[in-house]
Structure formats: structure tokens, C-alpha cells
C-alpha atoms as a PDB file:
ATOM      1  CA  MET A   1       5.310   0.443  12.002  1.00  0.00           C
ATOM      2  CA  PHE A   2       5.021   0.757   8.236  1.00  0.00           C
ATOM      3  CA  SER A   3       5.915  -2.880   7.633  1.00  0.00           C
ATOM      4  CA  LYS A   4       3.167  -3.701  10.146  1.00  0.00           C
ATOM      5  CA  LEU A   5       0.809  -1.571   8.039  1.00  0.00           C
ATOM      6  CA  SER A   6       1.671  -3.567   4.932  1.00  0.00           C
ATOM      7  CA  SER A   7       1.176  -6.908   6.667  1.00  0.00           C
ATOM      8  CA  ILE A   8      -2.145  -5.876   8.218  1.00  0.00           C
ATOM      9  CA  LEU A   9      -3.400  -4.711   4.859  1.00  0.00           C
ATOM     10  CA  ARG A  10      -2.409  -7.977   3.217  1.00  0.00           C
ATOM     11  CA  GLU A  11      -4.518  -9.786   5.824  1.00  0.00           C
ATOM     12  CA  VAL A  12      -7.497  -7.443   5.413  1.00  0.00           C
ATOM     13  CA  PHE A  13      -7.552  -7.761   1.665  1.00  0.00           C
ATOM     14  CA  ALA A  14      -7.017 -11.529   1.774  1.00  0.00           C
ATOM     15  CA  ASP A  15     -10.058 -11.797   4.062  1.00  0.00           C
ATOM     16  CA  GLU A  16     -12.130  -9.857   1.520  1.00  0.00           C
ATOM     17  CA  GLY A  17     -11.605 -12.472  -1.167  1.00  0.00           C
ATOM     18  CA  GLY A  18      -9.485 -12.378  -4.258  1.00  0.00           C
ATOM     19  CA  SER A  19      -5.777 -12.902  -4.173  1.00  0.00           C
ATOM     20  CA  ALA A  20      -3.834 -11.088  -1.502  1.00  0.00           C
ATOM     21  CA  THR A  21      -1.434  -9.818  -4.170  1.00  0.00           C
ATOM     22  CA  SER A  22      -4.120  -8.220  -6.338  1.00  0.00           C
ATOM     23  CA  ASN A  23      -5.871  -6.730  -3.324  1.00  0.00           C
ATOM     24  CA  GLU A  24      -2.607  -5.384  -1.947  1.00  0.00           C
ATOM     25  CA  HIS A  25      -1.910  -3.754  -5.308  1.00  0.00           C
ATOM     26  CA  LEU A  26      -5.354  -2.069  -5.190  1.00  0.00           C
ATOM     27  CA  TYR A  27      -4.549  -0.755  -1.725  1.00  0.00           C
ATOM     28  CA  GLN A  28      -1.164   0.543  -2.857  1.00  0.00           C
ATOM     29  CA  ARG A  29      -2.721   2.252  -5.866  1.00  0.00           C
ATOM     30  CA  ALA A  30      -5.327   3.871  -3.607  1.00  0.00           C
ATOM     31  CA  MET A  31      -2.599   5.337  -1.391  1.00  0.00           C
ATOM     32  CA  ALA A  32      -0.658   6.539  -4.439  1.00  0.00           C
ATOM     33  CA  GLY A  33      -3.838   7.987  -5.927  1.00  0.00           C
ATOM     34  CA  LEU A  34      -4.535  10.057  -2.820  1.00  0.00           C
ATOM     35  CA  LEU A  35      -1.028  11.473  -2.866  1.00  0.00           C
ATOM     36  CA  CYS A  36      -1.475  12.330  -6.565  1.00  0.00           C
ATOM     37  CA  GLU A  37      -4.812  14.010  -5.847  1.00  0.00           C
ATOM     38  CA  VAL A  38      -3.168  16.290  -3.297  1.00  0.00           C
ATOM     39  CA  ALA A  39      -0.259  17.178  -5.563  1.00  0.00           C
ATOM     40  CA  GLY A  40      -2.578  17.915  -8.484  1.00  0.00           C
ATOM     41  CA  ALA A  41      -5.215  19.827  -6.543  1.00  0.00           C
ATOM     42  CA  ASP A  42      -3.670  23.231  -7.249  1.00  0.00           C
ATOM     43  CA  HIS A  43      -3.236  22.395 -10.973  1.00  0.00           C
ATOM     44  CA  GLU A  44       0.476  23.170 -10.765  1.00  0.00           C
ATOM     45  CA  LEU A  45       3.078  20.496 -11.357  1.00  0.00           C
ATOM     46  CA  ASP A  46       6.034  20.920  -9.048  1.00  0.00           C
ATOM     47  CA  ALA A  47       9.101  18.683  -9.034  1.00  0.00           C
ATOM     48  CA  ARG A  48       9.320  18.888  -5.241  1.00  0.00           C
ATOM     49  CA  GLU A  49       5.803  17.476  -4.900  1.00  0.00           C
ATOM     50  CA  GLU A  50       6.651  14.700  -7.361  1.00  0.00           C
ATOM     51  CA  VAL A  51       9.644  13.718  -5.239  1.00  0.00           C
ATOM     52  CA  ALA A  52       7.562  13.942  -2.058  1.00  0.00           C
ATOM     53  CA  LYS A  53       4.845  11.653  -3.466  1.00  0.00           C
ATOM     54  CA  THR A  54       7.366   8.930  -4.235  1.00  0.00           C
ATOM     55  CA  ARG A  55       9.217   9.344  -0.937  1.00  0.00           C
ATOM     56  CA  MET A  56       6.061   9.319   1.177  1.00  0.00           C
ATOM     57  CA  LEU A  57       4.607   6.320  -0.660  1.00  0.00           C
ATOM     58  CA  SER A  58       7.868   4.468  -0.176  1.00  0.00           C
ATOM     59  CA  VAL A  59       7.745   5.183   3.564  1.00  0.00           C
ATOM     60  CA  LEU A  60       4.028   4.411   3.962  1.00  0.00           C
ATOM     61  CA  LEU A  61       4.195   1.100   2.130  1.00  0.00           C
ATOM     62  CA  ASP A  62       7.723   0.102   3.131  1.00  0.00           C
ATOM     63  CA  ILE A  63       8.738  -0.375  -0.509  1.00  0.00           C
ATOM     64  CA  ASP A  64      11.734   0.771  -2.541  1.00  0.00           C
ATOM     65  CA  ASP A  65      11.731   4.058  -4.437  1.00  0.00           C
ATOM     66  CA  GLU A  66      11.555   2.379  -7.830  1.00  0.00           C
ATOM     67  CA  LYS A  67       8.347   0.505  -6.967  1.00  0.00           C
ATOM     68  CA  ALA A  68       6.915   3.664  -5.383  1.00  0.00           C
ATOM     69  CA  LYS A  69       7.709   5.665  -8.538  1.00  0.00           C
ATOM     70  CA  SER A  70       5.989   3.020 -10.661  1.00  0.00           C
ATOM     71  CA  LEU A  71       2.883   3.161  -8.452  1.00  0.00           C
ATOM     72  CA  VAL A  72       2.840   6.952  -8.573  1.00  0.00           C
ATOM     73  CA  ASP A  73       3.086   6.881 -12.373  1.00  0.00           C
ATOM     74  CA  GLN A  74       0.141   4.458 -12.583  1.00  0.00           C
ATOM     75  CA  ALA A  75      -1.879   6.472 -10.094  1.00  0.00           C
ATOM     76  CA  GLN A  76      -1.191   9.711 -11.962  1.00  0.00           C
ATOM     77  CA  GLY A  77      -3.107   8.433 -14.991  1.00  0.00           C
ATOM     78  CA  GLU A  78      -5.905   7.004 -12.885  1.00  0.00           C
ATOM     79  CA  SER A  79      -6.162  10.240 -10.912  1.00  0.00           C
ATOM     80  CA  ALA A  80      -7.095  12.125 -14.075  1.00  0.00           C
ATOM     81  CA  GLN A  81     -10.000   9.694 -14.581  1.00  0.00           C
ATOM     82  CA  SER A  82     -11.186   9.652 -10.967  1.00  0.00           C
ATOM     83  CA  VAL A  83     -14.429  11.424 -10.179  1.00  0.00           C
ATOM     84  CA  SER A  84     -14.351  11.135  -6.404  1.00  0.00           C
ATOM     85  CA  LEU A  85     -12.012  10.676  -3.463  1.00  0.00           C
ATOM     86  CA  TYR A  86     -14.332   7.875  -2.414  1.00  0.00           C
ATOM     87  CA  ASP A  87     -12.748   5.751  -5.169  1.00  0.00           C
ATOM     88  CA  TYR A  88      -9.568   5.769  -3.076  1.00  0.00           C
ATOM     89  CA  THR A  89     -10.880   5.843   0.469  1.00  0.00           C
ATOM     90  CA  ASP A  90     -13.432   3.053   0.241  1.00  0.00           C
ATOM     91  CA  LYS A  91     -11.107   0.207   1.252  1.00  0.00           C
ATOM     92  CA  LEU A  92      -8.672   2.332   3.225  1.00  0.00           C
ATOM     93  CA  ARG A  93     -11.255   2.947   5.954  1.00  0.00           C
ATOM     94  CA  GLN A  94     -10.350  -0.459   7.343  1.00  0.00           C
ATOM     95  CA  LEU A  95      -6.956   0.820   8.433  1.00  0.00           C
ATOM     96  CA  GLU A  96      -6.243   1.295  12.100  1.00  0.00           C
ATOM     97  CA  PRO A  97      -6.676   4.912  13.297  1.00  0.00           C
ATOM     98  CA  GLU A  98      -2.901   5.358  13.620  1.00  0.00           C
ATOM     99  CA  GLN A  99      -2.385   4.180  10.048  1.00  0.00           C
ATOM    100  CA  ARG A 100      -5.054   6.559   8.734  1.00  0.00           C
ATOM    101  CA  PHE A 101      -3.309   9.344  10.644  1.00  0.00           C
ATOM    102  CA  GLU A 102       0.011   8.474   8.954  1.00  0.00           C
ATOM    103  CA  LEU A 103      -1.660   8.601   5.532  1.00  0.00           C
ATOM    104  CA  ILE A 104      -3.155  12.032   6.250  1.00  0.00           C
ATOM    105  CA  LYS A 105       0.223  13.218   7.530  1.00  0.00           C
ATOM    106  CA  ALA A 106       1.870  11.970   4.313  1.00  0.00           C
ATOM    107  CA  MET A 107      -0.701  13.932   2.310  1.00  0.00           C
ATOM    108  CA  TRP A 108       0.228  17.066   4.266  1.00  0.00           C
ATOM    109  CA  GLU A 109       3.914  16.394   3.555  1.00  0.00           C
ATOM    110  CA  VAL A 110       3.163  16.337  -0.179  1.00  0.00           C
ATOM    111  CA  ALA A 111       1.063  19.502   0.053  1.00  0.00           C
ATOM    112  CA  TYR A 112       3.851  21.382   1.843  1.00  0.00           C
ATOM    113  CA  ALA A 113       6.619  20.063  -0.429  1.00  0.00           C
ATOM    114  CA  ASP A 114       6.500  23.047  -2.791  1.00  0.00           C
ATOM    115  CA  GLY A 115       6.834  25.529   0.047  1.00  0.00           C
ATOM    116  CA  ARG A 116       3.231  26.704   0.112  1.00  0.00           C
ATOM    117  CA  LEU A 117      -0.141  25.264   0.991  1.00  0.00           C
ATOM    118  CA  ASP A 118      -2.855  25.863  -1.577  1.00  0.00           C
ATOM    119  CA  PRO A 119      -6.465  25.951  -0.275  1.00  0.00           C
ATOM    120  CA  LEU A 120      -7.409  23.289  -2.832  1.00  0.00           C
ATOM    121  CA  GLU A 121      -4.746  20.955  -1.445  1.00  0.00           C
ATOM    122  CA  GLU A 122      -6.058  21.499   2.069  1.00  0.00           C
ATOM    123  CA  SER A 123      -9.578  20.791   0.841  1.00  0.00           C
ATOM    124  CA  VAL A 124      -8.545  17.441  -0.640  1.00  0.00           C
ATOM    125  CA  ILE A 125      -6.819  16.436   2.596  1.00  0.00           C
ATOM    126  CA  ARG A 126      -9.764  17.576   4.718  1.00  0.00           C
ATOM    127  CA  LYS A 127     -12.252  15.615   2.597  1.00  0.00           C
ATOM    128  CA  THR A 128     -10.007  12.528   2.667  1.00  0.00           C
ATOM    129  CA  ALA A 129      -9.724  12.762   6.458  1.00  0.00           C
ATOM    130  CA  GLU A 130     -13.503  12.938   6.716  1.00  0.00           C
ATOM    131  CA  LEU A 131     -13.964   9.933   4.412  1.00  0.00           C
ATOM    132  CA  LEU A 132     -11.404   7.954   6.426  1.00  0.00           C
ATOM    133  CA  TYR A 133     -13.029   8.963   9.729  1.00  0.00           C
ATOM    134  CA  VAL A 134      -9.942  10.744  11.028  1.00  0.00           C
ATOM    135  CA  ASP A 135     -10.938  12.894  13.994  1.00  0.00           C
ATOM    136  CA  HIS A 136     -10.434  16.633  13.596  1.00  0.00           C
ATOM    137  CA  PRO A 137      -7.800  16.906  16.369  1.00  0.00           C
ATOM    138  CA  LEU A 138      -5.734  14.234  14.573  1.00  0.00           C
ATOM    139  CA  PHE A 139      -6.252  16.034  11.262  1.00  0.00           C
ATOM    140  CA  ILE A 140      -4.794  19.192  12.850  1.00  0.00           C
ATOM    141  CA  LYS A 141      -1.972  17.257  14.541  1.00  0.00           C
ATOM    142  CA  ALA A 142      -0.986  15.708  11.194  1.00  0.00           C
ATOM    143  CA  LYS A 143      -0.969  19.183   9.628  1.00  0.00           C
ATOM    144  CA  LEU A 144       1.197  20.624  12.396  1.00  0.00           C
ATOM    145  CA  ASP A 145       3.587  17.651  12.331  1.00  0.00           C
ATOM    146  CA  ALA A 146       4.068  18.040   8.566  1.00  0.00           C
ATOM    147  CA  GLN A 147       4.571  21.797   8.501  1.00  0.00           C
ATOM    148  CA  PRO A 148       8.082  22.888   7.591  1.00  0.00           C
ATOM    149  CA  LYS A 149      10.056  23.920  10.648  1.00  0.00           C
END
């Protein structure tokens, strides 16, 4: 499914103009940026969240860990400069509902990685879900699916 996500996004961004490669990179950075926003929401750096960001980005984009780590590092700097989640969600709204669900679920995975859910992390995920038009029942399902068992 995740390789399908990557191929669909290449098509979407190619249709928007510009090179497919540059548009795909913008999309990848947006996904990485959202994962960084969640991890940084509680203002506590945790190694488990850092590992989760890279792992989840690798799974979402069907890329190797090294490329995912590079994207996360780039997004980390951009996240500090970002003023709004809209910067990330603008183009990602074109994803299929199932793909948006997987992104929200990945954000929950990052939030739970340190063993506790901070209200600020939940707020970032909730706002992202709203901006991506993820229905509330799917928002809750993603949260429940990502909770540690």
C-alpha cells in the first residue's frame, strides 16, 4: 500500500506542474515535518521519538532508513521555522482518505513512542487531522490502533 501511496503522489505532483522529483521531495518533507511537529510539541527531545519518526517515515514513504533520517533532519530545521501546520497539510489534502488515515496513525505512533501522550502532541495530531479532513471516527481509530498494547 505504501508504494502505491508514493506512486500516486508522484502522479499528483506531476499534474500540478514542476518536476515530479521536486514535487515528490516537497511531499516527503511535508510528511517528515508533521512527524517532527508531533515529536517536538511537548518541548522534550526523546530518543525513542526520534527513532519512531525515522521508522514511520520510512514505512509511509517506502524508503530506506538512511533517506528517511536525512528527510527528518531537514524537516527538523524547517519545523523550527514553521508558523502553521497548514504549511505541511496544504498539498497532503489530495491524498486518498486511507492514506491520510495512515499519516495520522503514524503521527500517533510517534506521540506514543516515549511511553506517554502529552496533550500538546494530541493537539497537533487533532489539528492535522482536521486540516487533512480526516473524519473524527478515523482519528479515534488511528489513535486506538497506535496505542501501546
